[in-house]
Protein backbone atom coordinates (compact mmCIF):
# COMPACT_ATOMS: atom_id res chain seq x y z
CA MET A 1 97.71 105.59 118.11
CA ALA A 2 96.35 104.66 114.93
CA GLU A 3 94.35 101.36 115.23
CA LEU A 4 93.13 102.05 118.79
CA ALA A 5 91.45 105.27 117.11
CA VAL A 6 90.03 103.10 114.88
CA LYS A 7 88.68 100.88 117.28
CA MET A 8 87.75 103.38 119.81
CA ASN A 9 86.37 106.45 118.32
CA ARG A 10 83.05 104.86 117.44
CA LEU A 11 82.60 103.65 120.80
CA THR A 12 79.84 104.79 122.88
CA THR A 13 78.05 103.78 126.25
CA ILE A 14 79.68 100.35 126.43
CA PRO A 15 80.38 97.96 129.20
CA THR A 16 83.64 98.80 131.04
CA VAL A 17 84.94 95.29 130.58
CA GLU A 18 84.74 95.37 126.93
CA PHE A 19 86.44 99.06 126.77
CA LEU A 20 89.08 97.76 128.56
CA LEU A 21 89.58 94.82 126.26
CA LEU A 22 89.46 97.18 123.61
CA VAL A 23 92.26 99.19 124.76
CA ARG A 24 94.22 96.29 125.82
CA ALA A 25 94.12 94.87 122.33
CA ALA A 26 95.02 97.92 120.22
CA LEU A 27 98.02 98.56 123.11
CA ALA A 28 99.27 95.36 122.91
CA THR A 29 99.96 95.62 119.12
CA HIS A 30 102.12 98.71 119.19
CA ARG A 31 105.54 100.52 120.13
CA ILE A 32 111.86 101.19 118.04
CA THR A 33 114.70 99.14 116.71
CA ALA A 34 117.46 101.27 115.80
CA LEU A 35 116.76 105.14 116.37
CA VAL A 36 119.41 107.81 117.05
CA LEU A 37 118.59 111.07 118.59
CA CYS A 38 120.70 114.18 118.36
CA ALA A 39 120.90 117.75 118.78
CA THR A 40 124.48 118.84 117.44
CA LEU A 41 126.89 120.81 118.65
CA PRO A 42 127.32 124.47 117.75
CA ALA A 43 129.93 125.25 115.53
CA GLY A 44 133.44 125.00 117.15
CA VAL A 45 132.24 123.64 120.46
CA GLN A 46 134.72 120.94 121.47
CA ALA A 47 133.38 118.42 124.15
CA GLU A 48 135.84 117.60 127.01
CA PRO A 49 135.15 114.11 127.78
CA PHE A 50 133.17 113.02 131.24
CA LYS A 51 135.72 111.84 133.82
CA ARG A 52 133.31 111.26 136.45
CA ALA A 53 129.94 111.89 137.98
CA GLU A 54 128.97 112.50 141.18
CA VAL A 55 125.74 110.81 142.85
CA THR A 56 123.62 113.85 143.97
CA ARG A 57 120.13 112.12 144.77
CA THR A 58 119.17 108.49 145.41
CA MET A 59 115.51 107.35 146.67
CA ASN A 60 114.95 104.34 147.89
CA SER A 61 116.56 101.42 146.52
CA VAL A 62 119.62 102.20 143.93
CA SER A 63 122.79 100.37 143.12
CA LEU A 64 126.16 101.12 141.69
CA LEU A 65 127.08 97.98 139.30
CA PRO A 66 131.23 99.14 139.17
CA GLU A 67 132.88 96.78 136.39
CA LYS A 68 134.09 93.57 137.30
CA GLN A 69 132.84 94.05 141.31
CA SER A 70 129.94 93.27 143.10
CA ALA A 71 126.53 95.53 143.26
CA ARG A 72 126.60 97.89 146.34
CA PRO A 73 124.13 100.35 147.61
CA ALA A 74 124.62 103.94 146.16
CA SER A 75 125.05 107.10 148.20
CA ILE A 76 124.99 110.77 148.16
CA GLY A 77 128.23 111.77 147.28
CA ASP A 78 129.70 108.47 145.46
CA LEU A 79 131.83 109.29 142.43
CA ILE A 80 131.42 107.33 139.26
CA SER A 81 134.30 106.46 137.20
CA GLY A 82 135.17 103.84 134.71
CA GLN A 83 132.48 101.94 133.43
CA THR A 84 129.96 101.86 136.12
CA GLY A 85 126.20 100.88 136.29
CA LEU A 86 123.23 102.39 138.18
CA ARG A 87 120.24 100.28 138.69
CA THR A 88 117.07 102.01 140.27
CA ALA A 89 114.30 99.17 141.64
CA ASP A 90 110.22 100.02 142.10
CA ASP A 91 109.72 103.42 143.02
CA SER A 92 113.25 104.42 142.96
CA ARG A 93 115.32 107.45 141.58
CA ALA A 94 118.41 108.71 141.25
CA GLU A 95 120.38 111.93 140.20
CA LEU A 96 123.93 111.93 139.04
CA SER A 97 125.59 115.46 138.06
CA PHE A 98 128.89 116.08 135.81
CA PRO A 99 131.39 118.68 136.03
CA ASP A 100 130.08 120.75 133.18
CA ARG A 101 126.58 120.90 134.84
CA THR A 102 125.22 118.29 132.93
CA ILE A 103 122.45 116.45 135.03
CA THR A 104 121.03 113.29 134.37
CA ARG A 105 118.11 111.50 136.06
CA VAL A 106 117.20 108.00 136.07
CA GLY A 107 113.57 106.66 136.93
CA SER A 108 112.13 103.74 138.44
CA ASN A 109 113.21 100.20 137.33
CA ALA A 110 115.84 101.67 135.10
CA LEU A 111 119.78 100.44 134.54
CA PHE A 112 121.90 103.51 133.60
CA ARG A 113 125.71 103.29 132.31
CA PHE A 114 128.46 105.61 132.37
CA LEU A 115 131.60 105.28 130.31
CA ALA A 116 134.38 107.54 131.60
CA GLY A 117 136.91 109.17 129.15
CA GLY A 118 134.12 110.04 126.66
CA ARG A 119 130.70 111.26 127.02
CA ASP A 120 128.79 107.84 126.46
CA MET A 121 125.80 106.99 128.51
CA THR A 122 123.42 104.00 127.91
CA LEU A 123 119.97 103.19 129.26
CA ASP A 124 119.13 99.76 129.47
CA GLY A 125 115.41 100.24 130.21
CA GLY A 126 113.41 102.75 132.39
CA THR A 127 113.18 106.20 132.05
CA MET A 128 116.01 108.94 132.04
CA LEU A 129 115.88 112.86 131.74
CA PHE A 130 118.96 114.58 130.40
CA SER A 131 119.82 118.27 131.22
CA SER A 132 122.78 119.96 129.38
CA PRO A 133 123.18 124.07 129.87
CA LYS A 134 123.67 125.80 126.69
CA GLY A 135 127.10 125.85 125.35
CA ALA A 136 127.98 122.44 127.28
CA GLY A 137 129.85 119.53 125.34
CA GLY A 138 127.48 117.21 123.94
CA GLY A 139 126.87 113.83 125.03
CA GLN A 140 125.72 110.25 123.86
CA VAL A 141 123.08 108.38 125.01
CA GLN A 142 122.22 105.02 123.97
CA ALA A 143 119.11 103.41 124.76
CA GLY A 144 118.74 99.80 123.34
CA ALA A 145 119.50 100.11 119.92
CA ILE A 146 119.16 103.88 120.16
CA THR A 147 121.78 106.48 120.38
CA ALA A 148 121.03 110.25 121.48
CA ALA A 149 124.05 112.79 121.17
CA VAL A 150 122.65 115.86 122.82
CA THR A 151 124.20 119.44 123.84
CA GLY A 152 122.22 122.36 125.49
CA THR A 153 119.04 120.57 125.54
CA ASP A 154 116.71 119.13 127.70
CA PHE A 155 114.95 115.95 126.87
CA LEU A 156 113.15 112.43 128.33
CA VAL A 157 113.59 109.10 126.86
CA SER A 158 111.88 106.28 128.02
CA TYR A 159 113.14 102.79 126.60
CA VAL A 160 110.78 99.62 126.90
CA LYS A 161 112.75 96.42 126.17
CA GLY A 162 111.17 93.38 124.36
CA PRO A 163 109.00 93.10 121.35
CA ALA A 164 106.48 95.56 120.03
CA ALA A 165 103.59 93.09 120.99
CA LYS A 166 104.50 93.27 124.21
CA GLY A 167 104.84 97.22 124.29
CA GLY A 168 108.54 97.50 123.67
CA ARG A 169 109.10 101.11 122.15
CA VAL A 170 111.14 104.05 122.64
CA LYS A 171 109.69 107.27 123.64
CA VAL A 172 111.08 110.81 123.18
CA ILE A 173 110.26 114.22 124.48
CA CYS A 174 111.81 117.45 123.59
CA LEU A 175 111.73 119.76 126.61
CA SER A 176 113.92 122.65 125.59
CA ARG A 177 115.68 124.05 122.36
CA SER A 178 115.36 120.91 119.72
CA VAL A 179 116.77 117.13 119.42
CA LEU A 180 117.32 115.89 115.75
CA VAL A 181 116.08 112.38 115.64
CA TYR A 182 117.06 109.85 113.15
CA PHE A 183 117.12 105.91 112.50
CA THR A 184 120.59 104.69 112.97
CA ALA A 185 120.40 102.38 109.78
CA ASN A 186 119.04 105.13 107.83
CA PRO A 187 120.05 108.49 109.00
CA ARG A 188 118.26 110.12 106.22
CA GLU A 189 114.81 109.18 108.10
CA ARG A 190 115.02 112.03 110.96
CA ARG A 191 112.89 114.49 112.79
CA VAL A 192 113.71 117.35 114.23
CA LEU A 193 111.60 117.86 117.96
CA ARG A 194 110.88 121.13 119.05
CA PRO A 195 109.93 121.69 123.10
CA GLY A 196 106.76 119.94 123.61
CA GLN A 197 106.90 117.50 120.76
CA MET A 198 107.24 113.89 121.08
CA VAL A 199 108.11 110.69 119.15
CA GLU A 200 106.83 107.07 120.31
CA ILE A 201 108.25 104.48 117.55
CA PRO A 202 107.40 101.02 117.89
CA ASN A 203 110.23 98.29 117.86
CA GLY A 204 110.62 96.78 114.29
CA ALA A 205 109.60 100.31 112.94
CA THR A 206 111.85 101.83 109.97
CA LYS A 207 109.93 104.90 109.58
CA PHE A 208 108.57 107.50 111.86
CA LEU A 209 105.10 107.74 112.16
CA CYS A 210 104.59 111.26 113.32
CA VAL A 211 105.43 113.72 115.67
CA SER A 212 103.01 114.96 118.42
CA ALA A 213 102.54 117.28 120.71
CA LEU A 214 101.98 117.12 124.72
CA SER A 215 101.81 119.51 127.43
CA LEU A 216 104.73 120.61 128.64
CA SER A 217 103.28 121.99 131.94
CA LEU A 218 101.64 118.54 132.57
CA ILE A 219 105.13 116.60 132.51
CA LEU A 220 106.82 118.91 134.24
CA SER A 221 104.57 118.93 137.32
CA THR A 222 103.63 115.16 136.87
CA ASN A 223 106.83 113.32 135.96
CA GLU A 224 108.90 111.59 138.45
CA LEU A 225 111.83 112.86 137.06
CA PHE A 226 111.12 116.85 138.19
CA GLU A 227 110.46 118.36 141.52
CA THR A 228 107.07 116.26 142.07
CA GLY A 229 109.54 113.28 142.10
CA GLY A 230 111.43 115.03 145.14
CA PHE A 231 114.06 116.14 142.89
CA GLY A 232 115.34 119.93 143.19
CA PRO A 233 114.76 122.39 140.45
CA LEU A 234 116.98 122.30 137.23
CA PRO A 235 119.21 125.08 136.16
CA SER A 236 116.74 125.18 133.23
CA LYS A 237 113.79 125.48 135.43
CA ALA A 238 112.96 129.20 134.27
CA LEU A 239 113.24 128.44 130.45
CA LEU A 240 111.18 125.33 130.96
CA LYS A 241 108.43 127.24 132.47
CA GLU A 242 108.66 130.21 130.10
CA LEU A 243 108.12 127.12 127.32
CA ALA A 244 105.48 125.51 129.02
CA GLU A 245 103.52 128.73 129.58
CA LYS A 246 103.76 130.04 125.47
CA GLN A 247 102.54 126.30 124.74
CA LYS A 248 99.75 126.17 127.10
CA LYS A 249 97.49 128.50 124.92
CA ASP A 250 97.78 126.13 122.16
CA ILE A 251 97.20 122.90 124.21
CA LEU A 252 93.88 124.50 125.54
CA ARG A 253 92.72 125.79 121.99
CA ILE A 254 89.51 123.79 121.38
CA PRO A 255 87.47 124.55 118.28
CA ASP A 256 84.35 127.26 119.14
CA ALA A 257 85.06 127.31 122.65
CA THR A 258 83.25 129.64 124.90
CA ALA A 259 85.34 131.84 127.78
CA GLN A 260 83.32 129.28 130.44
CA ASP A 261 84.87 126.23 128.52
CA GLU A 262 88.34 127.65 128.32
CA GLN A 263 88.03 128.30 131.96
CA ALA A 264 87.02 125.03 132.91
CA LEU A 265 89.52 123.25 130.90
CA ARG A 266 92.11 125.15 132.56
CA SER A 267 90.55 124.32 135.72
CA ALA A 268 90.69 120.67 134.64
CA PHE A 269 94.35 121.01 133.77
CA ALA A 270 94.78 122.83 137.38
CA ILE A 271 93.78 119.30 138.86
CA LEU A 272 95.83 117.39 137.24
CA GLU A 273 99.33 119.76 137.56
CA SER A 274 98.68 119.79 141.47
CA ARG A 275 97.67 116.42 142.23
CA GLY A 276 99.09 114.00 139.41
CA LEU A 277 97.50 111.41 136.92
CA ASP A 278 95.98 108.96 139.00
CA ALA A 279 92.97 107.71 137.76
CA ALA A 280 90.49 109.24 140.45
CA VAL A 281 92.44 112.65 139.72
CA VAL A 282 91.54 112.35 136.10
CA VAL A 283 88.18 111.59 136.67
CA GLU A 284 87.65 114.38 138.74
CA ALA A 285 89.69 116.88 136.10
CA VAL A 286 87.13 115.18 133.54
CA GLY A 287 84.24 116.45 135.63
CA GLN A 288 85.22 119.96 135.33
CA VAL A 289 84.71 119.27 131.23
CA VAL A 290 81.74 117.36 130.97
CA ASN A 291 79.77 120.01 129.35
CA ASN A 292 82.01 119.95 126.35
CA PRO A 293 83.27 116.56 124.30
CA LEU A 294 86.07 118.33 122.86
CA SER A 295 87.43 119.46 126.05
CA VAL A 296 87.28 115.79 127.18
CA GLU A 297 88.83 114.86 124.55
CA THR A 298 91.71 117.05 124.77
CA LEU A 299 92.34 116.39 127.93
CA VAL A 300 92.23 112.68 128.19
CA LYS A 301 94.70 112.91 125.00
CA GLN A 302 97.62 115.05 126.97
CA VAL A 303 97.04 112.55 130.03
CA ALA A 304 97.58 109.68 127.46
CA ARG A 305 100.86 111.36 125.96
CA ALA A 306 101.87 112.25 129.55
CA LEU A 307 101.78 108.70 131.09
CA PHE A 308 104.58 106.22 130.41
CA SER A 309 102.99 103.44 131.34
CA ASP A 310 100.46 101.39 129.29
CA GLU A 311 98.89 99.73 132.33
CA ALA A 312 98.27 103.07 134.03
CA LEU A 313 96.64 104.25 130.51
CA MET A 314 94.50 101.50 130.73
CA ASN A 315 93.20 102.28 134.23
CA VAL A 316 92.79 105.71 133.73
CA VAL A 317 90.80 105.43 130.36
CA THR A 318 88.81 102.55 131.75
CA GLU A 319 88.02 104.61 135.29
CA VAL A 320 86.79 107.90 133.43
CA ALA A 321 84.94 105.68 130.94
CA LYS A 322 82.99 103.74 133.74
CA THR A 323 82.37 107.16 135.48
CA TYR A 324 81.10 108.97 132.36
CA PRO A 325 79.55 106.69 130.10
CA SER A 326 77.70 109.21 127.90
CA LEU A 327 81.12 110.67 127.05
CA ALA A 328 82.65 107.19 126.15
CA SER A 329 83.13 108.29 122.36
CA SER A 330 85.09 111.38 123.33
CA ILE A 331 87.06 109.61 125.67
CA ALA A 332 87.48 106.76 123.65
CA ARG A 333 88.81 109.34 120.59
CA GLY A 334 90.97 111.29 123.05
CA ALA A 335 92.79 108.18 124.32
CA ALA A 336 93.21 106.70 120.75
CA GLU A 337 94.92 110.21 119.51
CA GLY A 338 97.15 110.52 123.06
CA ALA A 339 97.89 106.66 123.21
CA PRO A 340 101.33 105.26 121.35
CA PRO A 341 101.16 104.45 117.52
CA LEU A 342 100.97 101.09 115.88
CA ALA A 343 103.85 99.17 114.28
CA PRO A 344 103.40 98.73 110.38
CA THR A 345 100.53 96.54 109.80
CA ALA A 346 99.10 95.20 106.64
CA ILE A 347 97.21 97.33 104.78
CA THR A 348 93.52 96.64 103.80
CA LEU A 349 91.64 97.02 100.59
CA GLY A 350 88.51 98.58 99.71
CA ILE A 351 86.51 99.49 96.86
CA TYR A 352 84.35 102.04 94.96
CA ASP A 353 82.27 99.72 92.29
CA ASN A 354 79.44 101.12 90.64
CA ALA A 355 79.13 98.51 88.36
CA GLN A 356 79.11 95.48 91.06
CA THR A 357 81.78 93.74 89.70
CA MET A 358 83.78 92.73 92.90
CA THR A 359 80.39 92.13 94.78
CA GLY A 360 82.05 88.41 96.09
CA LYS A 361 85.83 89.97 96.81
CA PRO A 362 86.37 89.96 101.02
CA LEU A 363 87.20 93.46 101.04
CA ALA A 364 87.13 95.89 104.16
CA TYR A 365 85.53 98.55 102.67
CA GLU A 366 83.29 100.06 100.19
CA GLU A 367 82.70 103.72 98.86
CA ILE A 368 80.04 105.61 97.36
CA PHE A 369 79.63 109.22 96.16
CA VAL A 370 76.55 110.31 97.29
CA ASP A 371 74.60 113.56 96.03
CA GLN A 372 74.03 116.02 99.36
CA THR A 373 70.92 117.28 98.01
CA SER A 374 69.10 113.58 97.65
CA ALA A 375 71.12 111.50 99.64
CA GLU A 376 71.51 108.91 96.72
CA GLY A 377 74.87 107.89 94.99
CA TRP A 378 75.13 109.06 91.16
CA VAL A 379 75.47 106.56 88.62
CA GLY A 380 74.95 103.22 88.03
CA THR A 381 73.78 100.67 90.52
CA ASN A 382 75.47 102.97 92.99
CA ARG A 383 72.33 105.05 92.53
CA GLN A 384 70.92 104.15 95.74
CA SER A 385 69.98 105.86 98.91
CA VAL A 386 72.37 106.03 101.62
CA TYR A 387 70.73 103.87 103.80
CA ASP A 388 70.41 100.89 101.11
CA PHE A 389 74.09 101.31 100.08
CA ALA A 390 75.31 101.33 103.83
CA THR A 391 72.83 98.23 104.66
CA ALA A 392 74.01 96.27 101.58
CA ALA A 393 77.78 97.12 101.98
CA TRP A 394 77.61 96.00 105.63
CA ALA A 395 75.85 92.78 104.72
CA LYS A 396 78.94 92.01 102.62
CA GLY A 397 81.33 92.33 105.25
CA ARG A 398 82.45 96.06 104.34
CA THR A 399 82.35 99.07 106.24
CA PRO A 400 80.64 101.67 104.06
CA ILE A 401 82.44 104.78 103.30
CA ILE A 402 80.36 107.65 102.22
CA SER A 403 81.38 110.42 100.18
CA ILE A 404 78.95 113.60 100.31
CA GLU A 405 79.31 115.74 97.62
CA PRO A 406 77.36 119.21 98.25
CA PHE A 407 77.07 120.13 94.16
CA SER A 408 74.42 122.62 94.25
CA GLY A 409 74.30 126.09 95.21
CA ASP A 410 76.96 127.93 97.25
CA PRO A 411 77.55 124.95 99.64
CA LEU A 412 79.98 126.33 101.96
CA ASP A 413 77.96 129.60 103.11
CA GLU A 414 74.66 127.83 102.87
CA ILE A 415 75.71 124.86 105.18
CA VAL A 416 77.12 127.23 107.66
CA SER A 417 73.96 129.15 107.77
CA GLY A 418 71.61 126.28 108.05
CA LYS A 419 69.76 126.42 105.00
CA ARG A 420 70.98 122.79 104.23
CA ASP A 421 70.08 121.38 107.20
CA GLU A 422 66.94 119.42 105.60
CA GLU A 423 69.79 117.69 103.49
CA LEU A 424 71.74 116.75 106.48
CA ALA A 425 68.86 115.59 108.22
CA ASN A 426 67.78 113.19 105.42
CA ILE A 427 71.30 111.61 105.47
CA ALA A 428 71.68 111.71 109.34
CA SER A 429 68.16 109.73 109.63
CA GLN A 430 69.52 107.21 107.08
CA LEU A 431 72.49 106.64 108.67
CA ALA A 432 70.62 106.04 112.05
CA ARG A 433 67.87 103.80 110.67
CA TYR A 434 71.16 101.78 108.89
CA GLY A 435 72.87 101.63 112.53
CA GLY A 436 76.17 100.53 111.87
CA PRO A 437 79.60 101.85 111.48
CA ALA A 438 80.34 104.34 108.76
CA ILE A 439 83.16 106.27 107.69
CA ILE A 440 81.97 109.91 106.51
CA ARG A 441 83.93 111.87 103.84
CA TRP A 442 82.49 114.98 103.20
CA GLY A 443 83.77 117.85 100.82
CA HIS A 444 86.61 115.94 99.30
CA GLU A 445 89.62 117.51 97.64
CA PRO A 446 88.84 121.27 98.61
CA GLU A 447 91.72 122.77 96.95
CA LYS A 448 90.13 121.65 93.52
CA SER A 449 88.43 124.53 92.20
CA ARG A 450 86.16 122.48 89.59
CA TYR A 451 83.90 121.52 92.54
CA PRO A 452 81.70 124.45 94.30
CA TRP A 453 82.90 123.86 97.62
CA GLY A 454 86.89 123.82 96.54
CA GLY A 455 89.20 126.51 95.72
CA LYS A 456 87.32 128.66 98.21
CA PRO A 457 88.90 130.61 101.40
CA ALA A 458 90.10 128.02 103.77
CA ALA A 459 88.33 129.22 106.51
CA LYS A 460 85.03 128.88 105.12
CA TYR A 461 85.50 125.33 104.09
CA ILE A 462 86.34 124.45 107.26
CA SER A 463 83.12 126.10 109.12
CA ALA A 464 81.26 124.08 106.79
CA TYR A 465 83.35 120.80 107.04
CA ARG A 466 82.89 121.39 111.34
CA TYR A 467 79.16 122.15 110.95
CA VAL A 468 78.50 118.94 108.78
CA VAL A 469 80.77 116.97 111.42
CA ASP A 470 78.91 118.65 114.35
CA TYR A 471 75.57 118.00 112.81
CA LEU A 472 75.94 114.33 112.22
CA ARG A 473 77.49 113.55 115.50
CA LYS A 474 74.24 115.33 117.82
CA TYR A 475 71.81 113.88 115.21
CA ASN A 476 72.41 110.51 116.70
CA PRO A 477 75.37 110.71 119.77
CA GLN A 478 75.07 106.63 119.57
CA GLN A 479 75.86 106.31 115.99
CA LYS A 480 79.10 104.64 115.60
CA LEU A 481 80.34 107.29 112.76
CA SER A 482 84.17 108.22 111.68
CA PHE A 483 84.96 111.23 109.88
CA MET A 484 87.47 111.43 106.93
CA TRP A 485 89.18 114.69 105.86
CA SER A 486 90.56 114.07 102.23
CA PRO A 487 92.28 116.49 100.19
CA VAL A 488 94.21 115.47 97.19
CA GLY A 489 97.09 115.29 99.34
CA ASN A 490 99.80 118.07 98.19
CA VAL A 491 100.84 120.65 100.51
CA ASP A 492 98.80 123.26 99.13
CA GLY A 493 95.80 121.50 100.66
CA THR A 494 97.03 121.82 104.43
CA LYS A 495 95.19 124.90 104.65
CA TYR A 496 92.04 123.48 104.68
CA TYR A 497 92.79 121.00 107.71
CA PRO A 498 89.55 121.36 110.07
CA GLY A 499 91.37 120.20 113.00
CA SER A 500 91.80 117.28 114.82
CA HIS A 501 88.63 117.35 116.48
CA TYR A 502 86.92 116.81 113.33
CA VAL A 503 89.37 114.15 111.61
CA ASP A 504 89.28 110.58 112.33
CA TYR A 505 91.29 109.20 109.16
CA VAL A 506 93.38 111.22 106.89
CA GLY A 507 92.09 110.80 103.08
CA CYS A 508 93.67 111.40 99.76
CA SER A 509 93.79 110.59 96.15
CA VAL A 510 96.38 108.66 94.31
CA PHE A 511 96.50 107.89 90.65
CA ASN A 512 99.13 106.67 88.06
CA THR A 513 98.99 109.29 85.22
CA GLU A 514 102.84 109.83 85.20
CA ASN A 515 104.32 106.37 84.83
CA ARG A 516 106.06 106.48 88.13
CA SER A 517 105.86 103.66 90.92
CA PHE A 518 103.15 103.66 93.77
CA ALA A 519 105.99 104.74 96.25
CA GLU A 520 107.60 107.52 93.93
CA THR A 521 103.38 108.91 93.17
CA PHE A 522 102.47 108.59 97.27
CA ALA A 523 105.41 109.40 99.44
CA PRO A 524 105.37 113.25 98.77
CA LYS A 525 101.62 112.89 99.88
CA TYR A 526 102.31 110.83 102.86
CA GLN A 527 105.45 113.10 104.09
CA THR A 528 102.65 115.89 104.09
CA LEU A 529 99.64 113.77 105.44
CA ALA A 530 101.63 112.15 107.93
CA GLN A 531 102.03 115.38 110.19
CA TYR A 532 98.30 115.05 111.49
CA CYS A 533 99.23 111.66 113.09
CA LYS A 534 96.13 110.16 111.90
CA PRO A 535 95.22 106.97 110.08
CA ILE A 536 95.81 107.20 106.25
CA ILE A 537 93.24 106.10 103.63
CA ILE A 538 93.82 106.32 100.30
CA ALA A 539 90.14 106.88 99.41
CA GLU A 540 90.75 106.82 95.63
CA PHE A 541 93.29 105.19 93.69
CA GLY A 542 93.28 104.07 90.49
CA VAL A 543 95.74 102.95 87.45
CA GLN A 544 94.53 103.34 84.00
CA ALA A 545 93.61 99.85 82.08
CA LYS A 546 96.37 100.66 79.52
CA ASP A 547 98.75 100.58 81.62
CA ASP A 548 100.60 98.05 83.78
CA GLN A 549 97.97 97.60 86.64
CA ALA A 550 99.32 94.23 87.77
CA ALA A 551 103.02 96.30 88.67
CA TRP A 552 101.40 98.69 90.17
CA VAL A 553 99.15 97.15 92.35
CA SER A 554 101.99 94.72 93.56
CA GLY A 555 104.06 97.87 94.06
CA LEU A 556 101.69 99.41 96.37
CA LYS A 557 101.62 96.04 98.50
CA ALA A 558 105.24 95.48 98.54
CA SER A 559 105.90 99.28 99.44
CA ALA A 560 103.32 99.50 101.91
CA SER A 561 105.30 98.88 105.12
CA GLN A 562 107.49 102.14 104.21
CA PHE A 563 104.22 104.15 105.05
CA PRO A 564 103.27 103.06 108.45
CA LEU A 565 100.14 105.42 109.00
CA LEU A 566 98.57 104.04 105.78
CA LYS A 567 95.67 101.54 106.74
CA SER A 568 93.81 101.44 103.56
CA VAL A 569 93.15 101.79 100.14
CA ILE A 570 90.04 102.01 98.08
CA TYR A 571 90.31 101.30 94.09
CA PHE A 572 88.21 103.76 91.83
CA ASN A 573 87.11 100.80 89.71
CA ALA A 574 85.11 103.02 87.01
CA VAL A 575 85.62 105.62 83.98
CA ASP A 576 86.28 108.59 85.60
CA PRO A 577 83.50 111.36 84.90
CA TYR A 578 86.00 114.23 84.46
CA PRO A 579 87.99 114.43 81.61
CA TRP A 580 91.03 115.63 83.53
CA VAL A 581 93.62 113.59 82.17
CA LYS A 582 95.25 114.79 78.89
CA GLY A 583 91.48 116.01 78.36
CA GLN A 584 90.47 112.33 78.49
CA LYS A 585 88.19 110.35 80.87
CA PRO A 586 90.34 108.36 82.36
CA ASP A 587 89.54 104.43 82.44
CA TRP A 588 90.55 103.06 85.87
CA ARG A 589 88.47 99.80 85.52
CA ILE A 590 90.58 96.74 87.11
CA ASN A 591 90.29 92.89 86.65
CA PRO A 592 88.76 91.81 90.13
CA ALA A 593 91.45 89.40 90.35
CA LEU A 594 93.99 91.96 90.53
CA TRP A 595 92.53 93.53 93.67
């Protein structure tokens, strides 16, 4: 969840109450209005209508709601036809089986309806498992404003009613084969989910935020609609187990892990898979990996994605942070990435302002471009030390963004070999002296060969980027630093992605050079970058002074809601130092009144 990431990835050792309040504040502001889930019918398949369903399992309080009749307790063997509802209470579950071997299971506090004569079902709150064997006819599953048309697919859907601010959302998890998901009002806005992928979309959203990966083995072993909840094995059990085992290698892969780290993480997951996701169990599992913060992040992230309750997530995160206060930053970062995404919010603005023409404006961020060798800005009044700049920006109420440029020598090899540690130590010591929050943007636009760190083999860039992040994190673990990976934003830059553990924000550059609208210019970059499920900052944004700057800026603000992961835009208020637009140095300077 983007804002939870912003708030929580800076946390260090903090009081439990404050930690809980931060989690609660972020969770309270997120969560779909009109979404369709669809796994299309194979060519030539004609779906026979569902004429009846048999109740094959009930646990605790389950009621049947026949049309125009009083509710009555459900019993195994009951046949449902016509328009009949099924309601479950707390800690209650039920299973329905159809003649074509399609199975639906309904979780606690759910209302499920089946309309005979078609293949339509409705989930009016709660969680539902749909399992249809390959080759069976499809079915329509509606959840609030959502429809799911599926065949030969296993998937979970959870529907929380109500406004986004109170947790209203839809969560969809593909367990096998594929599920095509799109908005009812805009079928072109769609995603295809593969096994182990999830979308979680807040009420009110009109765009997907991202598709994230979650542990199939954790879902299969802990969710109440599988065997752990008292049900028998699904017909697709062997397939699901095979998919979970294939996926586990990727889920458990963390950067630079030793064999001991990998074994510890496997042991932690084994605890969860055998005993569930209660807070005390998660605390014990985290205890297996306390020596590797990245393993802690991985574990907490997957726990957050496997939980279907905000209250349960808050309880788990708070208890783990209270037990391991020195790991609060890793716990927070994992929870932030694993928790549901936010609904679209207004973007914030920032500035790169080497002439200091916008000193008095209330902006969220201020950026500087720093020579890594000297730890100072390059030009004009921004020729300040990291410490002086960060302190001055914070005094204006702005979070500093520090773009570090390693121009001299062969920076990638020299950084990884440790030859540039003195430079990094100088920057780290100044950051520690400043002491406040900051966003570090190291080695931006790595796909550009005009930079000494750009256009190089991706593996070299990734190693150097990770080295810098690790160095700055370890120099002062209490420092509230976030890290931005910032390519130009085109597809060719994705090979330089350093991995989720090393990225808090994804940046990009957007300049008006082709007389297109902001939305037309940014849309392909957004599509490329949204796959990382990270908040996006346009770290360099500019419109030439000779163009209609007012129209472009107003277009930015008007269309920002189309890009729900976009959180901030930093205006490049200067003459560009490079003659890259038709052989000229473009003048991006803007009237402060427009920004």
